[in-house]
Amino acid sequence: MYKKYIEFLSDADIPFCENEPCSKHTSFRIGGPCDLFVTPEDANSLRDAYVEARRAGLSTYILGKGSNVLFSDDGYSGVIISTERLSDVSVDGNVLTADAGASFTHIAAVARDAGLSGLEFAYGIPGSVGGAVFMNAGAYGGQVSDCLESSTAFDPLSGHIIRTEGSDHLFGYRTSVYKKNPERAILSASFELKPGNKEDIRAYMEDIMGRRRDKQPLEFPSAGSVFKRPEGHFVGQMVEELGLKGYAIGGAQVSEKHAGFIINRGGATADDVLRLIDHIKATVYAAYGVVLECEVISVK
């Protein structure tokens, strides 16, 4: 099934490996092996690898840093195409442009060093630029939609690279046009920023990071906040009031530091996490009548 595709990757000099553990590429550190893990070194190679995989009828998944993804314990039967090698970042005037695989925290630091303000909120967010744009990532009063000028993505349905600007991203709370069209592979993003004082920017970023360390269980593998914030409620507060702080199923546990997080205390399986998510949702609904919506993307 994979013979011709592997031959293509080899001939095109596109790096790949077989039976790669998904757990090595997600912040949860959970997930069985995938059939093929492909790491293109540029946008053209990513496009070619994606096109050929689809042409061969292989299931494909585009992966950034895996900070919001939970892979099955059985792994992934198909091709995972990682953007991890697409990491270039450049600054031109007030515009910072980054490849999809660039660290979101790293581009915040690049902006700071260039004396540009607007990405401070990104400092400490563990995902990639592509993932951040995909879900309109945000924290501490800022979000991607506040400063994103444009993005480019490969659309396998049309075979074209599409440039999307401003309001055409259809941003909402933790959503975008890409979430509505998940087959598109984000290649790059450009952020329009504002001149600022480097030391003021640095101080604000250090304050944000300090608050993260104080409030979040950064010492354990997790996928960040598990649920979207329901209108008029705070998930962590509800979970804590229900006595679920520290509640565990297998190796998955509601963080004792922040009840909005589920952590991998060691040896957690995807099934442990999913069962814990279901238990939290059911308990919160029974007590408050609130339907929690999961932010974590479960991939089988």
C-alpha atoms as a PDB file:
ATOM      1  CA  MET A   1       0.000   0.000   0.000  1.00  0.00           C
ATOM      2  CA  TYR A   2       2.827   2.371   0.847  1.00  0.00           C
ATOM      3  CA  LYS A   3       5.496   1.096  -1.532  1.00  0.00           C
ATOM      4  CA  LYS A   4       4.978   3.636  -4.325  1.00  0.00           C
ATOM      5  CA  TYR A   5       4.573   6.508  -1.894  1.00  0.00           C
ATOM      6  CA  ILE A   6       7.788   5.594  -0.086  1.00  0.00           C
ATOM      7  CA  GLU A   7       9.536   5.418  -3.452  1.00  0.00           C
ATOM      8  CA  PHE A   8       8.242   8.907  -4.244  1.00  0.00           C
ATOM      9  CA  LEU A   9       9.477  10.309  -0.923  1.00  0.00           C
ATOM     10  CA  SER A  10      12.884   8.726  -1.427  1.00  0.00           C
ATOM     11  CA  ASP A  11      13.213  10.001  -5.008  1.00  0.00           C
ATOM     12  CA  ALA A  12      12.102  13.494  -3.940  1.00  0.00           C
ATOM     13  CA  ASP A  13      14.530  13.450  -0.984  1.00  0.00           C
ATOM     14  CA  ILE A  14      11.720  14.187   1.481  1.00  0.00           C
ATOM     15  CA  PRO A  15      12.621  12.886   4.975  1.00  0.00           C
ATOM     16  CA  PHE A  16      10.336  10.265   6.512  1.00  0.00           C
ATOM     17  CA  CYS A  17      10.310   7.406   8.969  1.00  0.00           C
ATOM     18  CA  GLU A  18       8.073   4.405   9.479  1.00  0.00           C
ATOM     19  CA  ASN A  19       6.218   3.369  12.641  1.00  0.00           C
ATOM     20  CA  GLU A  20       7.068   6.623  14.398  1.00  0.00           C
ATOM     21  CA  PRO A  21       5.437   6.936  17.862  1.00  0.00           C
ATOM     22  CA  CYS A  22       2.891   9.758  17.831  1.00  0.00           C
ATOM     23  CA  SER A  23       3.676  10.261  21.521  1.00  0.00           C
ATOM     24  CA  LYS A  24       7.020  11.805  20.542  1.00  0.00           C
ATOM     25  CA  HIS A  25       5.267  14.614  18.675  1.00  0.00           C
ATOM     26  CA  THR A  26       2.507  15.776  21.016  1.00  0.00           C
ATOM     27  CA  SER A  27       2.615  17.740  24.247  1.00  0.00           C
ATOM     28  CA  PHE A  28       0.451  15.062  25.923  1.00  0.00           C
ATOM     29  CA  ARG A  29       3.179  12.471  25.165  1.00  0.00           C
ATOM     30  CA  ILE A  30       0.435   9.999  24.265  1.00  0.00           C
ATOM     31  CA  GLY A  31      -0.250   7.978  21.119  1.00  0.00           C
ATOM     32  CA  GLY A  32       0.762   4.823  19.295  1.00  0.00           C
ATOM     33  CA  PRO A  33       2.804   4.598  16.081  1.00  0.00           C
ATOM     34  CA  CYS A  34       1.825   6.090  12.735  1.00  0.00           C
ATOM     35  CA  ASP A  35       2.507   4.255   9.501  1.00  0.00           C
ATOM     36  CA  LEU A  36       4.598   7.059   8.018  1.00  0.00           C
ATOM     37  CA  PHE A  37       5.850  10.292   9.582  1.00  0.00           C
ATOM     38  CA  VAL A  38       6.962  12.774   6.913  1.00  0.00           C
ATOM     39  CA  THR A  39       8.982  15.931   7.612  1.00  0.00           C
ATOM     40  CA  PRO A  40       9.189  18.124   4.482  1.00  0.00           C
ATOM     41  CA  GLU A  41      11.870  20.805   4.563  1.00  0.00           C
ATOM     42  CA  ASP A  42       9.978  23.499   2.623  1.00  0.00           C
ATOM     43  CA  ALA A  43       6.496  24.432   1.450  1.00  0.00           C
ATOM     44  CA  ASN A  44       6.898  22.894  -1.999  1.00  0.00           C
ATOM     45  CA  SER A  45       7.965  19.564  -0.541  1.00  0.00           C
ATOM     46  CA  LEU A  46       5.041  19.627   1.881  1.00  0.00           C
ATOM     47  CA  ARG A  47       2.646  20.292  -0.982  1.00  0.00           C
ATOM     48  CA  ASP A  48       4.126  17.459  -3.055  1.00  0.00           C
ATOM     49  CA  ALA A  49       4.080  14.995  -0.158  1.00  0.00           C
ATOM     50  CA  TYR A  50       0.471  15.906   0.591  1.00  0.00           C
ATOM     51  CA  VAL A  51      -0.676  15.615  -3.023  1.00  0.00           C
ATOM     52  CA  GLU A  52       1.010  12.254  -3.547  1.00  0.00           C
ATOM     53  CA  ALA A  53      -0.393  10.821  -0.319  1.00  0.00           C
ATOM     54  CA  ARG A  54      -3.918  11.795  -1.280  1.00  0.00           C
ATOM     55  CA  ARG A  55      -3.388  10.534  -4.827  1.00  0.00           C
ATOM     56  CA  ALA A  56      -2.352   7.172  -3.369  1.00  0.00           C
ATOM     57  CA  GLY A  57      -5.540   7.092  -1.295  1.00  0.00           C
ATOM     58  CA  LEU A  58      -3.671   7.313   2.003  1.00  0.00           C
ATOM     59  CA  SER A  59      -5.166   8.974   5.057  1.00  0.00           C
ATOM     60  CA  THR A  60      -3.227  12.139   5.851  1.00  0.00           C
ATOM     61  CA  TYR A  61      -2.925  14.429   8.842  1.00  0.00           C
ATOM     62  CA  ILE A  62      -1.034  17.735   8.924  1.00  0.00           C
ATOM     63  CA  LEU A  63       0.665  18.161  12.304  1.00  0.00           C
ATOM     64  CA  GLY A  64       2.345  21.165  13.878  1.00  0.00           C
ATOM     65  CA  LYS A  65       3.753  20.863  17.380  1.00  0.00           C
ATOM     66  CA  GLY A  66       0.894  18.671  18.569  1.00  0.00           C
ATOM     67  CA  SER A  67       0.109  20.892  21.543  1.00  0.00           C
ATOM     68  CA  ASN A  68      -3.655  20.459  21.188  1.00  0.00           C
ATOM     69  CA  VAL A  69      -3.804  16.933  19.761  1.00  0.00           C
ATOM     70  CA  LEU A  70      -4.540  13.540  21.292  1.00  0.00           C
ATOM     71  CA  PHE A  71      -3.614  10.547  19.137  1.00  0.00           C
ATOM     72  CA  SER A  72      -5.176   7.124  19.628  1.00  0.00           C
ATOM     73  CA  ASP A  73      -3.376   4.473  21.621  1.00  0.00           C
ATOM     74  CA  ASP A  74      -3.440   2.419  18.430  1.00  0.00           C
ATOM     75  CA  GLY A  75      -1.633   5.197  16.584  1.00  0.00           C
ATOM     76  CA  TYR A  76      -2.522   6.587  13.180  1.00  0.00           C
ATOM     77  CA  SER A  77      -3.143   4.430  10.130  1.00  0.00           C
ATOM     78  CA  GLY A  78      -1.868   6.729   7.441  1.00  0.00           C
ATOM     79  CA  VAL A  79       0.607   9.509   6.786  1.00  0.00           C
ATOM     80  CA  ILE A  80       1.352  12.287   9.247  1.00  0.00           C
ATOM     81  CA  ILE A  81       2.953  15.252   7.509  1.00  0.00           C
ATOM     82  CA  SER A  82       4.751  17.413  10.040  1.00  0.00           C
ATOM     83  CA  THR A  83       5.505  21.110   9.578  1.00  0.00           C
ATOM     84  CA  GLU A  84       8.306  20.997  12.176  1.00  0.00           C
ATOM     85  CA  ARG A  85      11.043  21.788   9.616  1.00  0.00           C
ATOM     86  CA  LEU A  86       9.133  24.771   8.191  1.00  0.00           C
ATOM     87  CA  SER A  87      10.379  27.282  10.743  1.00  0.00           C
ATOM     88  CA  ASP A  88      11.713  30.392   8.988  1.00  0.00           C
ATOM     89  CA  VAL A  89      10.824  33.786  10.495  1.00  0.00           C
ATOM     90  CA  SER A  90      11.466  37.209   8.961  1.00  0.00           C
ATOM     91  CA  VAL A  91      10.649  40.826   9.767  1.00  0.00           C
ATOM     92  CA  ASP A  92       9.986  43.550   7.208  1.00  0.00           C
ATOM     93  CA  GLY A  93       9.079  46.861   8.780  1.00  0.00           C
ATOM     94  CA  ASN A  94       6.137  46.230  11.084  1.00  0.00           C
ATOM     95  CA  VAL A  95       5.243  42.873   9.515  1.00  0.00           C
ATOM     96  CA  LEU A  96       6.535  39.573  10.881  1.00  0.00           C
ATOM     97  CA  THR A  97       6.162  36.556   8.598  1.00  0.00           C
ATOM     98  CA  ALA A  98       6.639  33.014   9.848  1.00  0.00           C
ATOM     99  CA  ASP A  99       6.415  29.526   8.407  1.00  0.00           C
ATOM    100  CA  ALA A 100       3.664  27.316   9.772  1.00  0.00           C
ATOM    101  CA  GLY A 101       6.017  25.168  11.829  1.00  0.00           C
ATOM    102  CA  ALA A 102       7.695  28.050  13.657  1.00  0.00           C
ATOM    103  CA  SER A 103       7.206  28.096  17.414  1.00  0.00           C
ATOM    104  CA  PHE A 104       4.542  30.602  18.464  1.00  0.00           C
ATOM    105  CA  THR A 105       6.636  31.475  21.507  1.00  0.00           C
ATOM    106  CA  HIS A 106       9.701  31.976  19.291  1.00  0.00           C
ATOM    107  CA  ILE A 107       7.989  34.475  16.982  1.00  0.00           C
ATOM    108  CA  ALA A 108       6.904  36.471  20.039  1.00  0.00           C
ATOM    109  CA  ALA A 109      10.577  36.696  21.027  1.00  0.00           C
ATOM    110  CA  VAL A 110      11.590  37.691  17.477  1.00  0.00           C
ATOM    111  CA  ALA A 111       8.978  40.458  17.535  1.00  0.00           C
ATOM    112  CA  ARG A 112      10.243  41.645  20.914  1.00  0.00           C
ATOM    113  CA  ASP A 113      13.842  41.779  19.704  1.00  0.00           C
ATOM    114  CA  ALA A 114      12.697  43.777  16.673  1.00  0.00           C
ATOM    115  CA  GLY A 115      10.917  46.271  18.928  1.00  0.00           C
ATOM    116  CA  LEU A 116       7.473  45.200  17.730  1.00  0.00           C
ATOM    117  CA  SER A 117       4.424  44.868  19.958  1.00  0.00           C
ATOM    118  CA  GLY A 118       1.307  42.780  19.449  1.00  0.00           C
ATOM    119  CA  LEU A 119       2.474  39.197  19.949  1.00  0.00           C
ATOM    120  CA  GLU A 120       3.257  39.366  23.648  1.00  0.00           C
ATOM    121  CA  PHE A 121       0.264  37.110  24.423  1.00  0.00           C
ATOM    122  CA  ALA A 122       1.886  34.337  22.351  1.00  0.00           C
ATOM    123  CA  TYR A 123       4.854  34.029  24.686  1.00  0.00           C
ATOM    124  CA  GLY A 124       4.604  30.665  26.403  1.00  0.00           C
ATOM    125  CA  ILE A 125       1.930  29.218  24.106  1.00  0.00           C
ATOM    126  CA  PRO A 126       3.529  25.881  23.150  1.00  0.00           C
ATOM    127  CA  GLY A 127       2.058  25.428  19.668  1.00  0.00           C
ATOM    128  CA  SER A 128       3.181  26.243  16.155  1.00  0.00           C
ATOM    129  CA  VAL A 129       2.189  29.261  14.080  1.00  0.00           C
ATOM    130  CA  GLY A 130       0.006  27.066  11.878  1.00  0.00           C
ATOM    131  CA  GLY A 131      -1.811  25.598  14.853  1.00  0.00           C
ATOM    132  CA  ALA A 132      -2.274  29.032  16.395  1.00  0.00           C
ATOM    133  CA  VAL A 133      -3.845  30.417  13.223  1.00  0.00           C
ATOM    134  CA  PHE A 134      -5.976  27.281  12.793  1.00  0.00           C
ATOM    135  CA  MET A 135      -7.643  27.730  16.191  1.00  0.00           C
ATOM    136  CA  ASN A 136      -7.252  31.507  16.665  1.00  0.00           C
ATOM    137  CA  ALA A 137      -5.103  30.869  19.719  1.00  0.00           C
ATOM    138  CA  GLY A 138      -5.166  33.446  22.445  1.00  0.00           C
ATOM    139  CA  ALA A 139      -4.283  34.205  26.056  1.00  0.00           C
ATOM    140  CA  TYR A 140      -4.013  37.103  28.485  1.00  0.00           C
ATOM    141  CA  GLY A 141      -6.248  39.429  26.492  1.00  0.00           C
ATOM    142  CA  GLY A 142      -4.757  38.810  23.049  1.00  0.00           C
ATOM    143  CA  GLN A 143      -5.477  36.456  20.165  1.00  0.00           C
ATOM    144  CA  VAL A 144      -4.277  35.730  16.639  1.00  0.00           C
ATOM    145  CA  SER A 145      -7.145  37.610  15.022  1.00  0.00           C
ATOM    146  CA  ASP A 146      -5.952  40.848  16.672  1.00  0.00           C
ATOM    147  CA  CYS A 147      -2.809  41.025  14.575  1.00  0.00           C
ATOM    148  CA  LEU A 148      -2.906  38.526  11.702  1.00  0.00           C
ATOM    149  CA  GLU A 149      -2.568  40.311   8.379  1.00  0.00           C
ATOM    150  CA  SER A 150      -2.653  37.302   6.045  1.00  0.00           C
ATOM    151  CA  SER A 151      -1.904  33.610   5.717  1.00  0.00           C
ATOM    152  CA  THR A 152      -1.144  31.152   2.954  1.00  0.00           C
ATOM    153  CA  ALA A 153      -2.275  27.551   2.708  1.00  0.00           C
ATOM    154  CA  PHE A 154      -2.260  24.720   0.229  1.00  0.00           C
ATOM    155  CA  ASP A 155      -5.741  23.544  -0.737  1.00  0.00           C
ATOM    156  CA  PRO A 156      -5.577  19.950  -2.021  1.00  0.00           C
ATOM    157  CA  LEU A 157      -9.115  20.174  -3.392  1.00  0.00           C
ATOM    158  CA  SER A 158      -8.212  22.918  -5.867  1.00  0.00           C
ATOM    159  CA  GLY A 159      -4.504  22.164  -6.074  1.00  0.00           C
ATOM    160  CA  HIS A 160      -3.732  25.853  -5.439  1.00  0.00           C
ATOM    161  CA  ILE A 161      -1.930  27.813  -2.762  1.00  0.00           C
ATOM    162  CA  ILE A 162      -4.502  30.200  -1.298  1.00  0.00           C
ATOM    163  CA  ARG A 163      -3.759  33.553   0.317  1.00  0.00           C
ATOM    164  CA  THR A 164      -6.304  34.628   2.933  1.00  0.00           C
ATOM    165  CA  GLU A 165      -6.487  38.152   4.339  1.00  0.00           C
ATOM    166  CA  GLY A 166      -8.102  39.854   7.317  1.00  0.00           C
ATOM    167  CA  SER A 167     -11.778  39.123   7.884  1.00  0.00           C
ATOM    168  CA  ASP A 168     -11.722  36.326   5.303  1.00  0.00           C
ATOM    169  CA  HIS A 169     -10.198  34.171   8.041  1.00  0.00           C
ATOM    170  CA  LEU A 170     -13.682  34.030   9.620  1.00  0.00           C
ATOM    171  CA  PHE A 171     -12.168  34.141  13.069  1.00  0.00           C
ATOM    172  CA  GLY A 172     -14.246  33.396  16.132  1.00  0.00           C
ATOM    173  CA  TYR A 173     -13.562  32.032  19.586  1.00  0.00           C
ATOM    174  CA  ARG A 174     -11.031  29.236  18.956  1.00  0.00           C
ATOM    175  CA  THR A 175     -12.066  28.878  15.327  1.00  0.00           C
ATOM    176  CA  SER A 176     -11.184  30.068  11.835  1.00  0.00           C
ATOM    177  CA  VAL A 177     -11.781  29.371   8.170  1.00  0.00           C
ATOM    178  CA  TYR A 178      -9.143  26.649   8.474  1.00  0.00           C
ATOM    179  CA  LYS A 179     -11.047  24.823  11.164  1.00  0.00           C
ATOM    180  CA  LYS A 180     -14.006  24.841   8.788  1.00  0.00           C
ATOM    181  CA  ASN A 181     -11.740  23.560   5.978  1.00  0.00           C
ATOM    182  CA  PRO A 182      -9.349  21.205   7.811  1.00  0.00           C
ATOM    183  CA  GLU A 183      -7.986  19.703   4.590  1.00  0.00           C
ATOM    184  CA  ARG A 184      -6.063  22.920   3.916  1.00  0.00           C
ATOM    185  CA  ALA A 185      -2.418  22.879   5.004  1.00  0.00           C
ATOM    186  CA  ILE A 186      -1.335  26.228   6.435  1.00  0.00           C
ATOM    187  CA  LEU A 187       2.082  27.215   5.082  1.00  0.00           C
ATOM    188  CA  SER A 188       2.797  30.657   6.543  1.00  0.00           C
ATOM    189  CA  ALA A 189       1.316  33.644   8.327  1.00  0.00           C
ATOM    190  CA  SER A 190       2.083  37.371   8.420  1.00  0.00           C
ATOM    191  CA  PHE A 191       1.369  39.492  11.491  1.00  0.00           C
ATOM    192  CA  GLU A 192       0.997  43.280  11.402  1.00  0.00           C
ATOM    193  CA  LEU A 193       2.529  44.660  14.579  1.00  0.00           C
ATOM    194  CA  LYS A 194       3.221  48.044  16.138  1.00  0.00           C
ATOM    195  CA  PRO A 195       6.505  49.671  17.182  1.00  0.00           C
ATOM    196  CA  GLY A 196       7.147  49.420  20.892  1.00  0.00           C
ATOM    197  CA  ASN A 197       9.805  49.732  23.539  1.00  0.00           C
ATOM    198  CA  LYS A 198      11.840  46.529  23.738  1.00  0.00           C
ATOM    199  CA  GLU A 199      12.220  46.628  27.506  1.00  0.00           C
ATOM    200  CA  ASP A 200       8.513  47.279  28.059  1.00  0.00           C
ATOM    201  CA  ILE A 201       7.671  44.386  25.737  1.00  0.00           C
ATOM    202  CA  ARG A 202      10.184  42.148  27.505  1.00  0.00           C
ATOM    203  CA  ALA A 203       8.810  43.043  30.941  1.00  0.00           C
ATOM    204  CA  TYR A 204       5.239  42.287  29.861  1.00  0.00           C
ATOM    205  CA  MET A 205       6.269  38.947  28.342  1.00  0.00           C
ATOM    206  CA  GLU A 206       8.146  37.958  31.488  1.00  0.00           C
ATOM    207  CA  ASP A 207       5.081  38.885  33.544  1.00  0.00           C
ATOM    208  CA  ILE A 208       2.910  36.659  31.344  1.00  0.00           C
ATOM    209  CA  MET A 209       5.368  33.771  31.648  1.00  0.00           C
ATOM    210  CA  GLY A 210       5.494  34.203  35.397  1.00  0.00           C
ATOM    211  CA  ARG A 211       1.714  33.990  35.609  1.00  0.00           C
ATOM    212  CA  ARG A 212       1.781  30.843  33.462  1.00  0.00           C
ATOM    213  CA  ARG A 213       4.308  29.186  35.775  1.00  0.00           C
ATOM    214  CA  ASP A 214       2.311  30.141  38.861  1.00  0.00           C
ATOM    215  CA  LYS A 215      -1.060  28.960  37.602  1.00  0.00           C
ATOM    216  CA  GLN A 216      -0.442  26.180  35.070  1.00  0.00           C
ATOM    217  CA  PRO A 217       0.986  22.661  35.544  1.00  0.00           C
ATOM    218  CA  LEU A 218       3.866  23.191  33.130  1.00  0.00           C
ATOM    219  CA  GLU A 219       5.881  20.432  34.797  1.00  0.00           C
ATOM    220  CA  PHE A 220       3.540  17.748  33.387  1.00  0.00           C
ATOM    221  CA  PRO A 221       2.622  16.784  29.825  1.00  0.00           C
ATOM    222  CA  SER A 222      -0.765  18.228  28.884  1.00  0.00           C
ATOM    223  CA  ALA A 223      -2.657  19.854  26.044  1.00  0.00           C
ATOM    224  CA  GLY A 224      -3.361  23.103  27.860  1.00  0.00           C
ATOM    225  CA  SER A 225      -6.948  24.065  28.626  1.00  0.00           C
ATOM    226  CA  VAL A 226      -9.115  21.082  27.790  1.00  0.00           C
ATOM    227  CA  PHE A 227     -12.429  22.872  27.275  1.00  0.00           C
ATOM    228  CA  LYS A 228     -13.593  26.055  25.607  1.00  0.00           C
ATOM    229  CA  ARG A 229     -14.832  28.707  27.988  1.00  0.00           C
ATOM    230  CA  PRO A 230     -18.652  28.542  28.096  1.00  0.00           C
ATOM    231  CA  GLU A 231     -20.391  31.906  28.162  1.00  0.00           C
ATOM    232  CA  GLY A 232     -20.906  33.122  31.701  1.00  0.00           C
ATOM    233  CA  HIS A 233     -18.823  30.394  33.318  1.00  0.00           C
ATOM    234  CA  PHE A 234     -15.246  29.415  34.122  1.00  0.00           C
ATOM    235  CA  VAL A 235     -14.477  25.750  33.527  1.00  0.00           C
ATOM    236  CA  GLY A 236     -11.736  25.485  36.145  1.00  0.00           C
ATOM    237  CA  GLN A 237     -13.985  27.016  38.792  1.00  0.00           C
ATOM    238  CA  MET A 238     -16.862  24.625  38.053  1.00  0.00           C
ATOM    239  CA  VAL A 239     -14.579  21.585  38.029  1.00  0.00           C
ATOM    240  CA  GLU A 240     -12.996  22.641  41.316  1.00  0.00           C
ATOM    241  CA  GLU A 241     -16.362  23.329  42.968  1.00  0.00           C
ATOM    242  CA  LEU A 242     -17.433  19.799  42.020  1.00  0.00           C
ATOM    243  CA  GLY A 243     -14.443  18.330  43.832  1.00  0.00           C
ATOM    244  CA  LEU A 244     -12.800  17.011  40.697  1.00  0.00           C
ATOM    245  CA  LYS A 245      -9.425  18.658  41.243  1.00  0.00           C
ATOM    246  CA  GLY A 246      -6.959  15.778  41.390  1.00  0.00           C
ATOM    247  CA  TYR A 247      -9.502  13.249  40.119  1.00  0.00           C
ATOM    248  CA  ALA A 248      -7.768  10.606  38.010  1.00  0.00           C
ATOM    249  CA  ILE A 249      -8.530   7.812  35.603  1.00  0.00           C
ATOM    250  CA  GLY A 250      -5.453   5.713  34.978  1.00  0.00           C
ATOM    251  CA  GLY A 251      -2.514   8.018  34.334  1.00  0.00           C
ATOM    252  CA  ALA A 252      -4.723  10.970  33.373  1.00  0.00           C
ATOM    253  CA  GLN A 253      -5.538  13.442  36.126  1.00  0.00           C
ATOM    254  CA  VAL A 254      -7.335  16.745  36.576  1.00  0.00           C
ATOM    255  CA  SER A 255      -4.483  19.034  37.547  1.00  0.00           C
ATOM    256  CA  GLU A 256      -4.309  19.932  41.218  1.00  0.00           C
ATOM    257  CA  LYS A 257      -2.789  23.260  40.164  1.00  0.00           C
ATOM    258  CA  HIS A 258      -5.351  24.277  37.520  1.00  0.00           C
ATOM    259  CA  ALA A 259      -8.628  22.377  37.254  1.00  0.00           C
ATOM    260  CA  GLY A 260      -9.021  23.346  33.594  1.00  0.00           C
ATOM    261  CA  PHE A 261      -6.064  21.124  32.667  1.00  0.00           C
ATOM    262  CA  ILE A 262      -5.785  17.363  32.329  1.00  0.00           C
ATOM    263  CA  ILE A 263      -2.229  16.139  32.837  1.00  0.00           C
ATOM    264  CA  ASN A 264      -0.371  12.961  32.029  1.00  0.00           C
ATOM    265  CA  ARG A 265       0.958  11.903  35.420  1.00  0.00           C
ATOM    266  CA  GLY A 266       2.885   9.081  33.757  1.00  0.00           C
ATOM    267  CA  GLY A 267       1.753   6.263  31.525  1.00  0.00           C
ATOM    268  CA  ALA A 268      -1.583   7.870  30.650  1.00  0.00           C
ATOM    269  CA  THR A 269      -3.335   6.450  27.605  1.00  0.00           C
ATOM    270  CA  ALA A 270      -5.599   8.251  25.163  1.00  0.00           C
ATOM    271  CA  ASP A 271      -8.450   6.146  26.540  1.00  0.00           C
ATOM    272  CA  ASP A 272      -7.677   7.410  30.072  1.00  0.00           C
ATOM    273  CA  VAL A 273      -7.850  11.021  28.864  1.00  0.00           C
ATOM    274  CA  LEU A 274     -11.056  10.551  26.862  1.00  0.00           C
ATOM    275  CA  ARG A 275     -12.800   8.776  29.737  1.00  0.00           C
ATOM    276  CA  LEU A 276     -11.758  11.572  32.092  1.00  0.00           C
ATOM    277  CA  ILE A 277     -13.031  14.203  29.647  1.00  0.00           C
ATOM    278  CA  ASP A 278     -16.380  12.400  29.417  1.00  0.00           C
ATOM    279  CA  HIS A 279     -16.614  12.171  33.218  1.00  0.00           C
ATOM    280  CA  ILE A 280     -15.953  15.903  33.626  1.00  0.00           C
ATOM    281  CA  LYS A 281     -18.498  16.804  30.939  1.00  0.00           C
ATOM    282  CA  ALA A 282     -21.174  14.597  32.482  1.00  0.00           C
ATOM    283  CA  THR A 283     -20.530  15.858  36.022  1.00  0.00           C
ATOM    284  CA  VAL A 284     -20.559  19.527  34.994  1.00  0.00           C
ATOM    285  CA  TYR A 285     -23.739  19.080  32.971  1.00  0.00           C
ATOM    286  CA  ALA A 286     -25.497  17.306  35.826  1.00  0.00           C
ATOM    287  CA  ALA A 287     -24.585  20.061  38.279  1.00  0.00           C
ATOM    288  CA  TYR A 288     -24.788  23.200  36.155  1.00  0.00           C
ATOM    289  CA  GLY A 289     -26.636  22.275  32.966  1.00  0.00           C
ATOM    290  CA  VAL A 290     -23.595  23.497  31.014  1.00  0.00           C
ATOM    291  CA  VAL A 291     -22.443  21.573  27.955  1.00  0.00           C
ATOM    292  CA  LEU A 292     -18.652  21.677  27.779  1.00  0.00           C
ATOM    293  CA  GLU A 293     -17.003  21.735  24.364  1.00  0.00           C
ATOM    294  CA  CYS A 294     -13.598  20.089  24.131  1.00  0.00           C
ATOM    295  CA  GLU A 295     -10.680  22.040  22.654  1.00  0.00           C
ATOM    296  CA  VAL A 296      -8.425  19.001  22.373  1.00  0.00           C
ATOM    297  CA  ILE A 297      -8.495  17.392  18.918  1.00  0.00           C
ATOM    298  CA  SER A 298      -8.813  13.618  19.144  1.00  0.00           C
ATOM    299  CA  VAL A 299      -7.222  11.853  16.163  1.00  0.00           C
ATOM    300  CA  LYS A 300      -7.873   8.168  15.510  1.00  0.00           C
END
